[in-house]
């Protein structure tokens, strides 16, 4: 039981760290794309990032449905990763409604 909990915690942390790197790469790509296309709107700059994160969450949900049938360890690992992705993305993307 303890080994399963530690496995979930370790893989959740590693997945969270991996996502922070992926988010940074996506953010840099969005900034370079916006500079190349001369887009000044904040929404247009963040659109590729929002699309990529949304597709990632949808893919994780599909994987999670399959993992639910296999075992609780994989299920909770994916639930924790989805929660981390949503919280990190929410904190890192600038609000469209706040003045710059």
C-alpha atoms as a PDB file:
ATOM      1  CA  UNK A   1       0.000   0.000   0.000  1.00  0.00           C
ATOM      2  CA  UNK A   2       2.748   2.436   0.958  1.00  0.00           C
ATOM      3  CA  UNK A   3       4.754   1.483  -2.126  1.00  0.00           C
ATOM      4  CA  UNK A   4       1.772   2.266  -4.362  1.00  0.00           C
ATOM      5  CA  UNK A   5       1.283   5.656  -2.713  1.00  0.00           C
ATOM      6  CA  UNK A   6       4.957   6.535  -3.068  1.00  0.00           C
ATOM      7  CA  UNK A   7       4.902   5.453  -6.712  1.00  0.00           C
ATOM      8  CA  UNK A   8       1.955   7.731  -7.422  1.00  0.00           C
ATOM      9  CA  UNK A   9       3.618  10.648  -5.618  1.00  0.00           C
ATOM     10  CA  UNK A  10       6.964  10.226  -7.395  1.00  0.00           C
ATOM     11  CA  UNK A  11       5.444   9.841 -10.850  1.00  0.00           C
ATOM     12  CA  UNK A  12       3.121  12.792 -10.234  1.00  0.00           C
ATOM     13  CA  UNK A  13       6.089  14.981  -9.311  1.00  0.00           C
ATOM     14  CA  UNK A  14       8.075  13.815 -12.333  1.00  0.00           C
ATOM     15  CA  UNK A  15       5.076  14.379 -14.592  1.00  0.00           C
ATOM     16  CA  UNK A  16       4.565  17.844 -13.130  1.00  0.00           C
ATOM     17  CA  UNK A  17       8.198  18.752 -13.723  1.00  0.00           C
ATOM     18  CA  UNK A  18       7.966  17.448 -17.272  1.00  0.00           C
ATOM     19  CA  UNK A  19       4.872  19.531 -17.879  1.00  0.00           C
ATOM     20  CA  UNK A  20       6.570  22.703 -16.660  1.00  0.00           C
ATOM     21  CA  UNK A  21       9.283  22.131 -19.271  1.00  0.00           C
ATOM     22  CA  UNK A  22       6.681  21.425 -21.959  1.00  0.00           C
ATOM     23  CA  UNK A  23       4.719  24.528 -20.960  1.00  0.00           C
ATOM     24  CA  UNK A  24       7.870  26.665 -21.251  1.00  0.00           C
ATOM     25  CA  UNK A  25       8.543  25.302 -24.739  1.00  0.00           C
ATOM     26  CA  UNK A  26       4.944  25.946 -25.800  1.00  0.00           C
ATOM     27  CA  UNK A  27       5.078  29.448 -24.360  1.00  0.00           C
ATOM     28  CA  UNK A  28       8.294  30.229 -26.261  1.00  0.00           C
ATOM     29  CA  UNK A  29       6.764  28.840 -29.468  1.00  0.00           C
ATOM     30  CA  UNK A  30       3.673  31.010 -28.993  1.00  0.00           C
ATOM     31  CA  UNK A  31       5.799  34.112 -28.412  1.00  0.00           C
ATOM     32  CA  UNK A  32       7.949  33.441 -31.508  1.00  0.00           C
ATOM     33  CA  UNK A  33       4.863  32.759 -33.616  1.00  0.00           C
ATOM     34  CA  UNK A  34       3.235  35.978 -32.436  1.00  0.00           C
ATOM     35  CA  UNK A  35       6.396  37.958 -33.231  1.00  0.00           C
ATOM     36  CA  UNK A  36       6.678  36.396 -36.690  1.00  0.00           C
ATOM     37  CA  UNK A  37       3.019  37.097 -37.538  1.00  0.00           C
ATOM     38  CA  UNK A  38       3.097  40.545 -35.891  1.00  0.00           C
ATOM     39  CA  UNK A  39       0.117  39.784 -33.674  1.00  0.00           C
ATOM     40  CA  UNK A  40      -0.285  42.196 -30.813  1.00  0.00           C
ATOM     41  CA  UNK A  41      -3.459  40.880 -29.194  1.00  0.00           C
ATOM     42  CA  UNK A  42      -2.877  38.940 -26.012  1.00  0.00           C
ATOM     43  CA  UNK A  43      -5.531  36.404 -26.960  1.00  0.00           C
ATOM     44  CA  UNK A  44      -3.908  35.780 -30.343  1.00  0.00           C
ATOM     45  CA  UNK A  45      -0.533  35.296 -28.668  1.00  0.00           C
ATOM     46  CA  UNK A  46      -1.833  32.715 -26.189  1.00  0.00           C
ATOM     47  CA  UNK A  47      -4.110  30.840 -28.591  1.00  0.00           C
ATOM     48  CA  UNK A  48      -1.591  28.120 -29.648  1.00  0.00           C
ATOM     49  CA  UNK A  49      -0.743  27.528 -25.997  1.00  0.00           C
ATOM     50  CA  UNK A  50      -4.385  27.198 -24.997  1.00  0.00           C
ATOM     51  CA  UNK A  51      -5.083  24.800 -27.878  1.00  0.00           C
ATOM     52  CA  UNK A  52      -2.069  22.606 -27.022  1.00  0.00           C
ATOM     53  CA  UNK A  53      -2.973  22.428 -23.318  1.00  0.00           C
ATOM     54  CA  UNK A  54      -6.610  21.650 -24.127  1.00  0.00           C
ATOM     55  CA  UNK A  55      -5.613  18.833 -26.484  1.00  0.00           C
ATOM     56  CA  UNK A  56      -3.258  17.454 -23.838  1.00  0.00           C
ATOM     57  CA  UNK A  57      -6.024  17.412 -21.221  1.00  0.00           C
ATOM     58  CA  UNK A  58      -8.442  15.719 -23.619  1.00  0.00           C
ATOM     59  CA  UNK A  59      -5.823  13.074 -24.461  1.00  0.00           C
ATOM     60  CA  UNK A  60      -5.146  12.487 -20.769  1.00  0.00           C
ATOM     61  CA  UNK A  61      -8.863  12.050 -20.126  1.00  0.00           C
ATOM     62  CA  UNK A  62      -9.084   9.397 -22.847  1.00  0.00           C
ATOM     63  CA  UNK A  63      -6.067   7.599 -21.367  1.00  0.00           C
ATOM     64  CA  UNK A  64      -7.592   7.935 -17.900  1.00  0.00           C
ATOM     65  CA  UNK A  65     -10.766   6.137 -18.945  1.00  0.00           C
ATOM     66  CA  UNK A  66      -8.669   3.157 -20.079  1.00  0.00           C
ATOM     67  CA  UNK A  67      -6.510   3.288 -16.931  1.00  0.00           C
ATOM     68  CA  UNK A  68      -9.611   3.252 -14.739  1.00  0.00           C
ATOM     69  CA  UNK A  69     -10.325  -0.311 -15.878  1.00  0.00           C
ATOM     70  CA  UNK A  70      -6.745  -1.462 -15.150  1.00  0.00           C
ATOM     71  CA  UNK A  71      -6.069  -0.268 -11.633  1.00  0.00           C
ATOM     72  CA  UNK A  72      -6.433   2.510  -9.128  1.00  0.00           C
ATOM     73  CA  UNK A  73      -2.723   3.381  -9.085  1.00  0.00           C
ATOM     74  CA  UNK A  74      -2.671   4.532 -12.715  1.00  0.00           C
ATOM     75  CA  UNK A  75      -6.061   6.182 -12.316  1.00  0.00           C
ATOM     76  CA  UNK A  76      -4.980   8.390  -9.414  1.00  0.00           C
ATOM     77  CA  UNK A  77      -1.663   9.167 -11.063  1.00  0.00           C
ATOM     78  CA  UNK A  78      -3.449  10.534 -14.117  1.00  0.00           C
ATOM     79  CA  UNK A  79      -6.012  12.408 -12.015  1.00  0.00           C
ATOM     80  CA  UNK A  80      -3.190  14.090 -10.081  1.00  0.00           C
ATOM     81  CA  UNK A  81      -1.373  15.003 -13.291  1.00  0.00           C
ATOM     82  CA  UNK A  82      -4.524  16.512 -14.782  1.00  0.00           C
ATOM     83  CA  UNK A  83      -5.026  18.591 -11.661  1.00  0.00           C
ATOM     84  CA  UNK A  84      -1.411  19.802 -11.730  1.00  0.00           C
ATOM     85  CA  UNK A  85      -1.675  20.707 -15.412  1.00  0.00           C
ATOM     86  CA  UNK A  86      -4.841  22.728 -14.867  1.00  0.00           C
ATOM     87  CA  UNK A  87      -3.503  24.574 -11.824  1.00  0.00           C
ATOM     88  CA  UNK A  88      -0.084  25.333 -13.351  1.00  0.00           C
ATOM     89  CA  UNK A  89      -1.620  26.523 -16.606  1.00  0.00           C
ATOM     90  CA  UNK A  90      -4.112  28.706 -14.754  1.00  0.00           C
ATOM     91  CA  UNK A  91      -1.320  30.336 -12.784  1.00  0.00           C
ATOM     92  CA  UNK A  92       1.023  30.851 -15.736  1.00  0.00           C
ATOM     93  CA  UNK A  93      -1.302  32.214 -18.436  1.00  0.00           C
ATOM     94  CA  UNK A  94      -1.922  35.925 -18.056  1.00  0.00           C
ATOM     95  CA  UNK A  95      -5.501  37.016 -17.669  1.00  0.00           C
ATOM     96  CA  UNK A  96      -7.073  38.627 -20.724  1.00  0.00           C
ATOM     97  CA  UNK A  97      -9.133  40.966 -18.586  1.00  0.00           C
ATOM     98  CA  UNK A  98      -6.350  42.607 -16.593  1.00  0.00           C
ATOM     99  CA  UNK A  99      -4.713  45.705 -18.059  1.00  0.00           C
ATOM    100  CA  UNK A 100      -1.106  45.208 -19.161  1.00  0.00           C
END
